[in-house]
PDB file of N, CA and C in Angstrom:
ATOM      1  N   MET A   1       0.949   7.699  -7.754  1.00  0.00           N
ATOM      2  CA  MET A   1       1.392   6.738  -8.609  1.00  0.00           C
ATOM      3  C   MET A   1       1.314   4.964  -7.968  1.00  0.00           C
ATOM      4  N   LYS A   2       1.992   5.115  -6.405  1.00  0.00           N
ATOM      5  CA  LYS A   2       1.199   4.148  -5.277  1.00  0.00           C
ATOM      6  C   LYS A   2       0.337   3.973  -5.545  1.00  0.00           C
ATOM      7  N   SER A   3      -1.114   4.750  -5.667  1.00  0.00           N
ATOM      8  CA  SER A   3      -2.103   4.269  -5.340  1.00  0.00           C
ATOM      9  C   SER A   3      -2.635   3.937  -6.644  1.00  0.00           C
ATOM     10  N   LEU A   4      -2.096   3.887  -8.000  1.00  0.00           N
ATOM     11  CA  LEU A   4      -2.509   3.225  -9.638  1.00  0.00           C
ATOM     12  C   LEU A   4      -1.807   2.213  -9.155  1.00  0.00           C
ATOM     13  N   ARG A   5      -0.663   1.615  -8.573  1.00  0.00           N
ATOM     14  CA  ARG A   5       0.066   0.427  -8.356  1.00  0.00           C
ATOM     15  C   ARG A   5      -1.017  -0.646  -7.705  1.00  0.00           C
ATOM     16  N   ARG A   6      -1.350  -0.008  -6.358  1.00  0.00           N
ATOM     17  CA  ARG A   6      -2.443  -0.740  -5.319  1.00  0.00           C
ATOM     18  C   ARG A   6      -3.692  -1.112  -6.070  1.00  0.00           C
ATOM     19  N   MET A   7      -4.328  -0.036  -6.699  1.00  0.00           N
ATOM     20  CA  MET A   7      -5.321  -0.368  -7.889  1.00  0.00           C
ATOM     21  C   MET A   7      -5.673  -1.272  -8.443  1.00  0.00           C
ATOM     22  N   TYR A   8      -4.285  -1.368  -9.269  1.00  0.00           N
ATOM     23  CA  TYR A   8      -3.820  -2.329 -10.226  1.00  0.00           C
ATOM     24  C   TYR A   8      -4.066  -3.908  -9.652  1.00  0.00           C
ATOM     25  N   VAL A   9      -3.020  -3.899  -7.915  1.00  0.00           N
ATOM     26  CA  VAL A   9      -2.840  -5.296  -8.294  1.00  0.00           C
ATOM     27  C   VAL A   9      -3.904  -5.756  -7.317  1.00  0.00           C
ATOM     28  N   SER A  10      -5.183  -4.731  -6.611  1.00  0.00           N
ATOM     29  CA  SER A  10      -6.359  -5.301  -6.247  1.00  0.00           C
ATOM     30  C   SER A  10      -7.253  -5.675  -7.750  1.00  0.00           C
ATOM     31  N   PHE A  11      -6.898  -4.994  -8.623  1.00  0.00           N
ATOM     32  CA  PHE A  11      -7.738  -5.241  -9.862  1.00  0.00           C
ATOM     33  C   PHE A  11      -7.726  -6.731 -10.357  1.00  0.00           C
ATOM     34  N   VAL A  12      -5.729  -7.120 -10.307  1.00  0.00           N
ATOM     35  CA  VAL A  12      -5.686  -8.443 -10.911  1.00  0.00           C
ATOM     36  C   VAL A  12      -5.919  -9.343  -9.655  1.00  0.00           C
ATOM     37  N   LEU A  13      -6.208  -8.688  -8.549  1.00  0.00           N
ATOM     38  CA  LEU A  13      -6.972 -10.046  -7.660  1.00  0.00           C
ATOM     39  C   LEU A  13      -8.048 -10.321  -7.827  1.00  0.00           C
ATOM     40  N   LEU A  14      -8.657  -9.442  -7.890  1.00  0.00           N
ATOM     41  CA  LEU A  14     -10.145  -9.632  -7.656  1.00  0.00           C
ATOM     42  C   LEU A  14     -10.515 -10.406  -9.456  1.00  0.00           C
ATOM     43  N   PHE A  15      -9.792 -10.198 -10.347  1.00  0.00           N
ATOM     44  CA  PHE A  15      -9.710 -10.546 -11.540  1.00  0.00           C
ATOM     45  C   PHE A  15      -9.546 -12.374 -11.320  1.00  0.00           C
ATOM     46  N   ASN A  16      -8.276 -12.357 -11.267  1.00  0.00           N
ATOM     47  CA  ASN A  16      -8.253 -13.799 -10.798  1.00  0.00           C
ATOM     48  C   ASN A  16      -8.804 -14.790 -10.150  1.00  0.00           C
ATOM     49  N   VAL A  17      -9.784 -13.970  -8.943  1.00  0.00           N
ATOM     50  CA  VAL A  17     -11.115 -14.910  -8.404  1.00  0.00           C
ATOM     51  C   VAL A  17     -11.920 -14.866  -9.073  1.00  0.00           C
ATOM     52  N   PHE A  18     -12.221 -13.704 -10.004  1.00  0.00           N
ATOM     53  CA  PHE A  18     -13.518 -13.673 -10.868  1.00  0.00           C
ATOM     54  C   PHE A  18     -13.146 -14.960 -12.066  1.00  0.00           C
ATOM     55  N   SER A  19     -12.145 -15.126 -12.610  1.00  0.00           N
ATOM     56  CA  SER A  19     -11.869 -15.785 -12.910  1.00  0.00           C
ATOM     57  C   SER A  19     -11.768 -17.222 -13.308  1.00  0.00           C
ATOM     58  N   PHE A  20     -11.224 -17.878 -11.969  1.00  0.00           N
ATOM     59  CA  PHE A  20     -11.074 -19.008 -11.586  1.00  0.00           C
ATOM     60  C   PHE A  20     -12.763 -19.365 -11.303  1.00  0.00           C
ATOM     61  N   GLY A  21     -13.614 -18.399 -10.866  1.00  0.00           N
ATOM     62  CA  GLY A  21     -14.814 -19.230 -10.471  1.00  0.00           C
ATOM     63  C   GLY A  21     -15.621 -18.937 -11.734  1.00  0.00           C
ATOM     64  N   VAL A  22     -15.331 -18.305 -12.906  1.00  0.00           N
ATOM     65  CA  VAL A  22     -16.062 -18.848 -14.382  1.00  0.00           C
ATOM     66  C   VAL A  22     -15.751 -19.758 -15.002  1.00  0.00           C
ATOM     67  N   ILE A  23     -14.499 -20.210 -14.940  1.00  0.00           N
ATOM     68  CA  ILE A  23     -13.811 -21.547 -15.564  1.00  0.00           C
ATOM     69  C   ILE A  23     -14.076 -22.587 -14.626  1.00  0.00           C
ATOM     70  N   PHE A  24     -14.072 -22.422 -13.064  1.00  0.00           N
ATOM     71  CA  PHE A  24     -14.885 -23.875 -12.271  1.00  0.00           C
ATOM     72  C   PHE A  24     -16.451 -23.514 -12.460  1.00  0.00           C
ATOM     73  N   LEU A  25     -17.200 -22.909 -13.268  1.00  0.00           N
ATOM     74  CA  LEU A  25     -18.679 -22.725 -13.353  1.00  0.00           C
ATOM     75  C   LEU A  25     -18.745 -23.496 -14.679  1.00  0.00           C
ATOM     76  N   ILE A  26     -17.672 -23.149 -15.790  1.00  0.00           N
ATOM     77  CA  ILE A  26     -18.025 -23.672 -17.014  1.00  0.00           C
ATOM     78  C   ILE A  26     -17.287 -25.131 -16.821  1.00  0.00           C
ATOM     79  N   LEU A  27     -16.700 -25.557 -16.434  1.00  0.00           N
ATOM     80  CA  LEU A  27     -16.398 -26.949 -16.150  1.00  0.00           C
ATOM     81  C   LEU A  27     -17.619 -27.878 -15.531  1.00  0.00           C
ATOM     82  N   THR A  28     -18.262 -27.356 -14.235  1.00  0.00           N
ATOM     83  CA  THR A  28     -19.177 -27.912 -14.097  1.00  0.00           C
ATOM     84  C   THR A  28     -20.314 -27.857 -14.396  1.00  0.00           C
ATOM     85  N   ASN A  29     -20.637 -27.133 -15.798  1.00  0.00           N
ATOM     86  CA  ASN A  29     -21.565 -27.268 -16.472  1.00  0.00           C
ATOM     87  C   ASN A  29     -21.233 -28.267 -17.824  1.00  0.00           C
ATOM     88  N   SER A  30     -20.290 -28.347 -18.271  1.00  0.00           N
ATOM     89  CA  SER A  30     -19.683 -29.266 -19.112  1.00  0.00           C
ATOM     90  C   SER A  30     -20.261 -30.628 -18.745  1.00  0.00           C
ATOM     91  N   SER A  31     -20.408 -31.561 -20.327  1.00  0.00           N
ATOM     92  CA  SER A  31     -20.974 -32.679 -19.966  1.00  0.00           C
ATOM     93  C   SER A  31     -19.908 -33.635 -19.981  1.00  0.00           C
ATOM     94  N   ALA A  32     -19.809 -34.944 -19.464  1.00  0.00           N
ATOM     95  CA  ALA A  32     -19.074 -35.991 -20.187  1.00  0.00           C
ATOM     96  C   ALA A  32     -19.222 -37.039 -20.985  1.00  0.00           C
ATOM     97  N   GLY A  33     -18.614 -37.825 -21.574  1.00  0.00           N
ATOM     98  CA  GLY A  33     -18.840 -38.826 -22.646  1.00  0.00           C
ATOM     99  C   GLY A  33     -17.919 -39.535 -22.905  1.00  0.00           C
ATOM    100  N   ASP A  34     -17.695 -40.521 -22.830  1.00  0.00           N
ATOM    101  CA  ASP A  34     -16.313 -41.379 -22.920  1.00  0.00           C
ATOM    102  C   ASP A  34     -15.017 -41.017 -22.605  1.00  0.00           C
ATOM    103  N   GLU A  35     -15.273 -40.669 -21.347  1.00  0.00           N
ATOM    104  CA  GLU A  35     -14.101 -40.207 -20.300  1.00  0.00           C
ATOM    105  C   GLU A  35     -13.550 -38.862 -21.254  1.00  0.00           C
ATOM    106  N   VAL A  36     -14.155 -38.413 -21.956  1.00  0.00           N
ATOM    107  CA  VAL A  36     -13.716 -36.472 -22.689  1.00  0.00           C
ATOM    108  C   VAL A  36     -14.929 -35.282 -22.409  1.00  0.00           C
ATOM    109  N   VAL A  37     -14.354 -34.819 -21.645  1.00  0.00           N
ATOM    110  CA  VAL A  37     -15.678 -33.231 -21.683  1.00  0.00           C
ATOM    111  C   VAL A  37     -15.696 -32.702 -22.342  1.00  0.00           C
ATOM    112  N   PHE A  38     -16.792 -32.285 -22.364  1.00  0.00           N
ATOM    113  CA  PHE A  38     -17.581 -31.469 -23.900  1.00  0.00           C
ATOM    114  C   PHE A  38     -17.660 -30.142 -23.441  1.00  0.00           C
ATOM    115  N   ILE A  39     -17.327 -28.887 -23.845  1.00  0.00           N
ATOM    116  CA  ILE A  39     -17.721 -27.758 -23.183  1.00  0.00           C
ATOM    117  C   ILE A  39     -17.911 -27.080 -24.419  1.00  0.00           C
ATOM    118  N   GLY A  40     -19.482 -25.950 -24.528  1.00  0.00           N
ATOM    119  CA  GLY A  40     -19.917 -25.525 -25.335  1.00  0.00           C
ATOM    120  C   GLY A  40     -19.108 -24.719 -26.068  1.00  0.00           C
ATOM    121  N   GLU A  41     -19.550 -24.157 -27.358  1.00  0.00           N
ATOM    122  CA  GLU A  41     -18.759 -23.593 -27.971  1.00  0.00           C
ATOM    123  C   GLU A  41     -18.475 -22.223 -27.280  1.00  0.00           C
ATOM    124  N   GLY A  42     -19.877 -21.569 -26.786  1.00  0.00           N
ATOM    125  CA  GLY A  42     -19.157 -20.190 -26.621  1.00  0.00           C
ATOM    126  C   GLY A  42     -18.509 -20.086 -25.402  1.00  0.00           C
ATOM    127  N   ASP A  43     -19.228 -21.162 -24.610  1.00  0.00           N
ATOM    128  CA  ASP A  43     -18.420 -21.059 -23.145  1.00  0.00           C
ATOM    129  C   ASP A  43     -16.898 -21.195 -23.240  1.00  0.00           C
ATOM    130  N   GLY A  44     -16.491 -22.363 -24.227  1.00  0.00           N
ATOM    131  CA  GLY A  44     -14.923 -22.680 -24.658  1.00  0.00           C
ATOM    132  C   GLY A  44     -14.383 -21.288 -25.196  1.00  0.00           C
ATOM    133  N   GLU A  45     -15.209 -20.505 -26.296  1.00  0.00           N
ATOM    134  CA  GLU A  45     -14.443 -19.142 -26.516  1.00  0.00           C
ATOM    135  C   GLU A  45     -14.481 -18.374 -25.240  1.00  0.00           C
ATOM    136  N   PHE A  46     -15.375 -18.034 -24.377  1.00  0.00           N
ATOM    137  CA  PHE A  46     -15.092 -17.110 -23.305  1.00  0.00           C
ATOM    138  C   PHE A  46     -14.011 -17.693 -22.496  1.00  0.00           C
ATOM    139  N   ALA A  47     -13.656 -18.889 -22.048  1.00  0.00           N
ATOM    140  CA  ALA A  47     -12.933 -19.529 -21.437  1.00  0.00           C
ATOM    141  C   ALA A  47     -11.483 -19.109 -21.865  1.00  0.00           C
ATOM    142  N   PHE A  48     -11.273 -18.568 -23.296  1.00  0.00           N
ATOM    143  CA  PHE A  48      -9.989 -18.996 -23.651  1.00  0.00           C
ATOM    144  C   PHE A  48      -9.741 -17.529 -23.769  1.00  0.00           C
ATOM    145  N   VAL A  49     -10.889 -16.231 -24.192  1.00  0.00           N
ATOM    146  CA  VAL A  49     -10.641 -14.729 -23.703  1.00  0.00           C
ATOM    147  C   VAL A  49     -10.134 -14.380 -22.414  1.00  0.00           C
ATOM    148  N   LEU A  50     -10.588 -15.382 -21.361  1.00  0.00           N
ATOM    149  CA  LEU A  50     -10.248 -14.830 -19.636  1.00  0.00           C
ATOM    150  C   LEU A  50      -8.847 -15.781 -19.306  1.00  0.00           C
ATOM    151  N   THR A  51      -8.701 -16.647 -20.127  1.00  0.00           N
ATOM    152  CA  THR A  51      -7.415 -17.237 -19.384  1.00  0.00           C
ATOM    153  C   THR A  51      -6.512 -16.463 -20.770  1.00  0.00           C
ATOM    154  N   THR A  52      -6.439 -15.832 -21.600  1.00  0.00           N
ATOM    155  CA  THR A  52      -5.466 -15.073 -22.146  1.00  0.00           C
ATOM    156  C   THR A  52      -5.528 -13.902 -21.707  1.00  0.00           C
ATOM    157  N   VAL A  53      -6.259 -13.228 -21.422  1.00  0.00           N
ATOM    158  CA  VAL A  53      -6.184 -12.031 -20.551  1.00  0.00           C
ATOM    159  C   VAL A  53      -5.750 -12.425 -19.176  1.00  0.00           C
ATOM    160  N   GLY A  54      -5.840 -12.943 -18.728  1.00  0.00           N
ATOM    161  CA  GLY A  54      -5.621 -13.287 -17.494  1.00  0.00           C
ATOM    162  C   GLY A  54      -4.166 -13.665 -17.455  1.00  0.00           C
ATOM    163  N   ILE A  55      -3.438 -14.114 -18.386  1.00  0.00           N
ATOM    164  CA  ILE A  55      -1.990 -14.413 -18.605  1.00  0.00           C
ATOM    165  C   ILE A  55      -1.219 -12.985 -18.708  1.00  0.00           C
ATOM    166  N   VAL A  56      -1.652 -11.833 -19.385  1.00  0.00           N
ATOM    167  CA  VAL A  56      -1.374 -10.657 -19.875  1.00  0.00           C
ATOM    168  C   VAL A  56      -1.438 -10.096 -18.611  1.00  0.00           C
ATOM    169  N   VAL A  57      -2.378 -10.089 -17.970  1.00  0.00           N
ATOM    170  CA  VAL A  57      -2.861  -9.400 -16.459  1.00  0.00           C
ATOM    171  C   VAL A  57      -1.929  -9.605 -15.649  1.00  0.00           C
ATOM    172  N   ASN A  58      -1.786 -10.992 -15.049  1.00  0.00           N
ATOM    173  CA  ASN A  58      -0.271 -11.442 -14.565  1.00  0.00           C
ATOM    174  C   ASN A  58       1.075 -11.064 -15.074  1.00  0.00           C
ATOM    175  N   ILE A  59       1.368 -11.127 -15.776  1.00  0.00           N
ATOM    176  CA  ILE A  59       2.410 -10.588 -16.322  1.00  0.00           C
ATOM    177  C   ILE A  59       2.828  -9.244 -15.798  1.00  0.00           C
ATOM    178  N   GLY A  60       1.669  -8.464 -16.211  1.00  0.00           N
ATOM    179  CA  GLY A  60       1.341  -6.824 -15.871  1.00  0.00           C
ATOM    180  C   GLY A  60       1.968  -7.085 -14.410  1.00  0.00           C
ATOM    181  N   LEU A  61       1.268  -7.765 -13.726  1.00  0.00           N
ATOM    182  CA  LEU A  61       1.352  -8.095 -12.128  1.00  0.00           C
ATOM    183  C   LEU A  61       2.657  -8.124 -11.787  1.00  0.00           C
ATOM    184  N   ALA A  62       3.154  -9.060 -12.214  1.00  0.00           N
ATOM    185  CA  ALA A  62       4.837  -9.835 -11.872  1.00  0.00           C
ATOM    186  C   ALA A  62       5.815  -8.473 -12.172  1.00  0.00           C
ATOM    187  N   TYR A  63       5.538  -7.529 -13.605  1.00  0.00           N
ATOM    188  CA  TYR A  63       6.123  -6.529 -13.496  1.00  0.00           C
ATOM    189  C   TYR A  63       6.103  -5.482 -12.529  1.00  0.00           C
ATOM    190  N   VAL A  64       5.070  -4.929 -11.957  1.00  0.00           N
ATOM    191  CA  VAL A  64       4.645  -4.223 -11.179  1.00  0.00           C
ATOM    192  C   VAL A  64       5.157  -4.746  -9.775  1.00  0.00           C
ATOM    193  N   LEU A  65       5.139  -5.470  -9.662  1.00  0.00           N
ATOM    194  CA  LEU A  65       6.052  -6.077  -7.971  1.00  0.00           C
ATOM    195  C   LEU A  65       7.011  -6.345  -8.149  1.00  0.00           C
ATOM    196  N   LEU A  66       7.655  -6.258  -9.004  1.00  0.00           N
ATOM    197  CA  LEU A  66       9.135  -6.434  -9.633  1.00  0.00           C
ATOM    198  C   LEU A  66       9.846  -4.877  -9.292  1.00  0.00           C
ATOM    199  N   ARG A  67       9.142  -3.941  -9.909  1.00  0.00           N
ATOM    200  CA  ARG A  67       9.514  -2.687  -9.764  1.00  0.00           C
ATOM    201  C   ARG A  67       9.530  -2.042  -8.232  1.00  0.00           C
ATOM    202  N   GLU A  68       8.327  -2.754  -7.925  1.00  0.00           N
ATOM    203  CA  GLU A  68       7.864  -2.033  -6.639  1.00  0.00           C
ATOM    204  C   GLU A  68       8.938  -2.313  -5.416  1.00  0.00           C
ATOM    205  N   ASN A  69       9.324  -3.910  -5.528  1.00  0.00           N
ATOM    206  CA  ASN A  69      10.850  -4.350  -4.926  1.00  0.00           C
ATOM    207  C   ASN A  69      12.073  -4.136  -5.204  1.00  0.00           C
ATOM    208  N   LEU A  70      11.845  -3.428  -6.601  1.00  0.00           N
ATOM    209  CA  LEU A  70      13.519  -2.826  -6.814  1.00  0.00           C
ATOM    210  C   LEU A  70      13.593  -1.558  -6.275  1.00  0.00           C
ATOM    211  N   ASP A  71      12.599  -0.789  -6.579  1.00  0.00           N
ATOM    212  CA  ASP A  71      12.553   0.565  -5.779  1.00  0.00           C
ATOM    213  C   ASP A  71      12.465   0.727  -4.071  1.00  0.00           C
ATOM    214  N   ARG A  72      12.006  -0.686  -3.412  1.00  0.00           N
ATOM    215  CA  ARG A  72      12.271   0.004  -2.039  1.00  0.00           C
ATOM    216  C   ARG A  72      13.004  -0.718  -1.764  1.00  0.00           C
ATOM    217  N   ARG A  73      14.089  -1.782  -2.091  1.00  0.00           N
ATOM    218  CA  ARG A  73      15.827  -1.883  -2.290  1.00  0.00           C
ATOM    219  C   ARG A  73      16.339  -0.714  -2.415  1.00  0.00           C
ATOM    220  N   ARG A  74      16.074   0.139  -3.112  1.00  0.00           N
ATOM    221  CA  ARG A  74      16.756   1.178  -3.680  1.00  0.00           C
ATOM    222  C   ARG A  74      17.025   2.226  -2.790  1.00  0.00           C
ATOM    223  N   LEU A  75      15.514   2.187  -1.957  1.00  0.00           N
ATOM    224  CA  LEU A  75      15.501   3.197  -0.858  1.00  0.00           C
ATOM    225  C   LEU A  75      16.393   2.582   0.215  1.00  0.00           C
ATOM    226  N   GLU A  76      15.694   1.972   0.418  1.00  0.00           N
ATOM    227  CA  GLU A  76      16.541   0.940   2.223  1.00  0.00           C
ATOM    228  C   GLU A  76      18.146   1.094   2.051  1.00  0.00           C
ATOM    229  N   THR A  77      18.777   0.831   0.537  1.00  0.00           N
ATOM    230  CA  THR A  77      20.062   1.397   0.635  1.00  0.00           C
ATOM    231  C   THR A  77      20.841   2.054   0.831  1.00  0.00           C
ATOM    232  N   ASP A  78      19.978   3.167   0.034  1.00  0.00           N
ATOM    233  CA  ASP A  78      19.942   4.572   0.345  1.00  0.00           C
ATOM    234  C   ASP A  78      19.809   5.146   1.923  1.00  0.00           C
ATOM    235  N   SER A  79      19.113   4.854   2.207  1.00  0.00           N
ATOM    236  CA  SER A  79      18.791   5.255   3.768  1.00  0.00           C
ATOM    237  C   SER A  79      19.797   4.515   4.615  1.00  0.00           C
ATOM    238  N   GLY A  80      19.915   3.223   4.396  1.00  0.00           N
ATOM    239  CA  GLY A  80      21.390   2.429   5.044  1.00  0.00           C
ATOM    240  C   GLY A  80      22.415   3.437   5.463  1.00  0.00           C
ATOM    241  N   ARG A  81      22.948   4.455   3.727  1.00  0.00           N
ATOM    242  CA  ARG A  81      24.053   4.666   3.884  1.00  0.00           C
ATOM    243  C   ARG A  81      24.322   6.007   4.773  1.00  0.00           C
ATOM    244  N   GLU A  82      23.094   6.588   4.634  1.00  0.00           N
ATOM    245  CA  GLU A  82      23.122   7.901   5.688  1.00  0.00           C
ATOM    246  C   GLU A  82      23.077   7.728   7.388  1.00  0.00           C
ATOM    247  N   ARG A  83      22.706   6.362   7.609  1.00  0.00           N
ATOM    248  CA  ARG A  83      22.757   5.929   8.865  1.00  0.00           C
ATOM    249  C   ARG A  83      23.842   5.961   9.646  1.00  0.00           C
ATOM    250  N   ARG A  84      24.954   5.444   8.927  1.00  0.00           N
ATOM    251  CA  ARG A  84      26.394   4.877   8.921  1.00  0.00           C
ATOM    252  C   ARG A  84      27.264   6.014   9.223  1.00  0.00           C
ATOM    253  N   PRO A  85      28.312   6.281  10.178  1.00  0.00           N
ATOM    254  CA  PRO A  85      28.861   7.193  10.679  1.00  0.00           C
ATOM    255  C   PRO A  85      29.991   7.679   9.612  1.00  0.00           C
ATOM    256  N   LYS A  86      30.426   8.633   9.464  1.00  0.00           N
ATOM    257  CA  LYS A  86      31.357   9.017   8.268  1.00  0.00           C
ATOM    258  C   LYS A  86      32.612   8.972   9.045  1.00  0.00           C
ATOM    259  N   ILE A  87      33.277   8.400   8.068  1.00  0.00           N
ATOM    260  CA  ILE A  87      34.933   8.100   8.634  1.00  0.00           C
ATOM    261  C   ILE A  87      35.904   9.243   8.743  1.00  0.00           C
ATOM    262  N   THR A  88      36.150  10.044  10.006  1.00  0.00           N
ATOM    263  CA  THR A  88      36.817  11.185   9.424  1.00  0.00           C
ATOM    264  C   THR A  88      38.370  10.710   9.890  1.00  0.00           C
ATOM    265  N   GLY A  89      39.003   9.614   9.774  1.00  0.00           N
ATOM    266  CA  GLY A  89      40.700   9.388   9.801  1.00  0.00           C
ATOM    267  C   GLY A  89      41.314  10.013  10.996  1.00  0.00           C
ATOM    268  N   GLU A  90      40.152  10.304  12.026  1.00  0.00           N
ATOM    269  CA  GLU A  90      40.845  10.600  13.133  1.00  0.00           C
ATOM    270  C   GLU A  90      41.048   9.694  14.429  1.00  0.00           C
TER     271      GLU A  90
END
């Protein structure tokens, strides 16, 4: 399961880099007129789909990292109890 989480985190990071690059490319190829930026219709639809998928994937990344953090804290708490000496009352 941990390898699946690592692969998902790697996928999200690469997807973010790719999507920022594509959106930057779309914006640099747009034309400006009267202080309004015009993007092609196909490019605009692709950018919309890309940002929508990016939002969903990033929410998933936040959930995975939250679960990983909670699991790690739980393990640290359990191991901390085992290290403490037991009070015997003597």
